[in-house]
Protein backbone atom coordinates (compact mmCIF):
# COMPACT_ATOMS: atom_id res chain seq x y z
CA MET A 1 11.54 -9.91 0.59
CA PHE A 2 11.04 -6.08 0.10
CA ILE A 3 8.95 -4.92 -2.47
CA PRO A 4 9.14 -1.10 -2.91
CA SER A 5 6.21 0.80 -4.00
CA PHE A 6 8.24 2.67 -6.56
CA LEU A 7 8.07 -0.48 -8.82
CA TYR A 8 4.84 -0.21 -9.62
CA CYS A 9 4.02 3.66 -9.19
CA THR A 10 7.04 5.01 -11.46
CA ARG A 11 6.98 8.41 -12.90
CA PHE A 12 3.66 8.86 -10.73
CA ASP A 13 1.48 7.79 -13.45
CA GLY A 14 0.94 4.10 -12.15
CA LYS A 15 -2.41 3.03 -10.78
CA PRO A 16 -2.90 0.60 -7.87
CA SER A 17 -4.07 -2.49 -10.43
CA ASP A 18 -0.55 -2.12 -11.89
CA ILE A 19 0.69 -4.30 -8.79
CA ARG A 20 -1.03 -7.35 -10.42
CA GLU A 21 1.66 -7.46 -13.32
CA TRP A 22 4.27 -8.06 -10.35
CA LEU A 23 2.38 -10.70 -8.54
CA PRO A 24 3.77 -13.60 -10.76
CA ILE A 25 7.30 -12.28 -10.37
CA ILE A 26 6.98 -11.90 -6.87
CA LYS A 27 5.64 -15.64 -6.63
CA GLN A 28 8.55 -16.78 -8.60
CA THR A 29 11.28 -15.00 -6.74
CA ALA A 30 9.67 -16.44 -3.48
CA GLY A 31 9.57 -19.87 -4.62
CA ASP A 32 8.19 -21.70 -1.72
CA THR A 33 9.41 -19.43 0.86
CA LYS A 34 6.92 -17.45 3.20
CA PHE A 35 7.34 -13.61 2.97
CA ALA A 36 5.63 -10.46 4.27
CA ILE A 37 5.12 -7.18 2.22
CA VAL A 38 6.12 -4.31 4.72
CA GLU A 39 6.01 -0.57 4.36
CA THR A 40 3.76 -0.79 1.40
CA SER A 41 1.53 2.33 0.93
CA TRP A 42 -0.14 4.81 -1.61
CA THR A 43 -0.12 8.42 -1.14
CA ALA A 44 -3.29 10.26 -0.86
CA GLU A 45 -1.79 13.40 -2.19
CA ASP A 46 -3.01 14.18 -5.67
CA GLU A 47 0.14 15.88 -6.59
CA TYR A 48 1.87 12.43 -6.95
CA GLY A 49 -0.71 10.13 -8.69
CA GLY A 50 -2.62 9.71 -5.46
CA GLY A 51 -5.70 10.71 -4.03
CA GLU A 52 -8.06 9.27 -1.23
CA GLY A 53 -9.83 6.95 -3.62
CA VAL A 54 -6.92 5.90 -5.46
CA GLN A 55 -5.25 5.02 -2.04
CA ALA A 56 -8.37 2.96 -1.18
CA ASP A 57 -8.12 1.30 -4.47
CA TYR A 58 -4.53 0.24 -3.46
CA VAL A 59 -5.78 -1.08 -0.09
CA TYR A 60 -8.09 -3.43 -2.02
CA GLU A 61 -5.07 -4.57 -4.28
CA VAL A 62 -3.13 -5.43 -1.13
CA PHE A 63 -5.87 -7.43 0.19
CA CYS A 64 -6.04 -9.23 -3.30
CA MET A 65 -2.44 -10.18 -2.80
CA LYS A 66 -3.43 -12.26 0.10
CA ASP A 67 -5.98 -14.21 -1.98
CA TYR A 68 -3.26 -14.62 -4.73
CA PHE A 69 -0.37 -15.85 -2.46
CA GLY A 70 -2.63 -17.58 0.32
CA GLU A 71 -0.82 -18.88 3.29
CA GLN A 72 2.75 -17.93 1.73
CA LEU A 73 2.06 -14.25 2.47
CA GLU A 74 2.31 -14.17 6.27
CA TYR A 75 1.34 -10.47 6.78
CA VAL A 76 1.10 -6.94 5.13
CA CYS A 77 2.24 -3.76 7.04
CA TRP A 78 1.28 -0.28 5.92
CA PHE A 79 4.14 2.34 5.71
CA THR A 80 2.56 4.39 8.30
CA GLU A 81 -0.87 4.35 10.03
CA CYS A 82 -0.84 8.19 10.34
CA ASP A 83 0.58 11.01 8.21
CA LEU A 84 3.79 12.19 9.81
CA ILE A 85 4.81 16.00 9.79
CA GLU A 86 6.34 17.19 6.93
CA GLU A 87 9.65 17.84 8.45
CA ALA A 88 10.18 14.06 9.23
CA PHE A 89 10.65 13.46 5.39
CA ARG A 90 13.20 16.25 4.92
CA GLY A 91 11.79 16.95 1.36
CA LEU A 92 10.33 13.54 0.23
CA LYS A 93 6.90 14.97 0.06
CA LEU A 94 5.59 11.87 -1.70
CA PHE A 95 5.42 10.02 1.70
CA ARG A 96 3.84 12.80 3.69
CA GLN A 97 0.19 11.72 2.83
CA SER A 98 0.85 8.01 2.89
CA GLY A 99 -1.08 7.49 6.28
CA LEU A 100 -4.39 5.72 6.37
CA ILE A 101 -5.44 8.58 8.87
CA SER A 102 -4.48 12.18 8.14
CA TYR A 103 -2.37 14.41 10.23
CA GLU A 104 -5.18 16.05 11.75
CA GLY A 105 -6.49 12.50 12.84
CA VAL A 106 -9.29 12.07 10.20
CA GLU A 107 -9.44 8.49 8.85
CA ARG A 108 -9.21 8.48 5.08
CA GLU A 109 -11.25 6.41 2.58
CA ALA A 110 -8.36 3.71 2.69
CA TRP A 111 -8.67 3.29 6.34
CA TRP A 112 -12.36 2.35 6.07
CA LYS A 113 -11.39 0.05 3.00
CA TRP A 114 -8.95 -1.50 5.29
CA VAL A 115 -11.12 -2.08 8.21
CA GLU A 116 -13.95 -3.47 5.76
CA LEU A 117 -11.68 -5.93 4.25
CA ALA A 118 -10.06 -7.09 7.20
CA GLU A 119 -13.56 -7.91 8.82
CA LYS A 120 -14.11 -10.10 5.79
CA LYS A 121 -11.23 -11.92 6.29
CA GLU A 122 -11.77 -13.04 9.97
């Protein structure tokens, strides 16, 4: 099952908690089938409704999905751990700051939120 981020970040005015509206729909669509959420992300770029704090809030929502779906959600994969060079996106600037670590190698607030929540799950 592929759940693209644009479903809950349309028009760049969405907020991370908007994903909660989709959870019952995802659950109904999946039925009893186990699934994974892959290539999910939220931009850290202010221009597209993001920011470091907003990105960290989305990481929190991602971990809440595991609580909601339980064992049915097998794993979650973030779109990219580190920002990629702008040329890699050929004009899709929305994705250039989707990494949990900046292009310069600096961990973002979302990285530390991921680490914190992952350690609590262990």
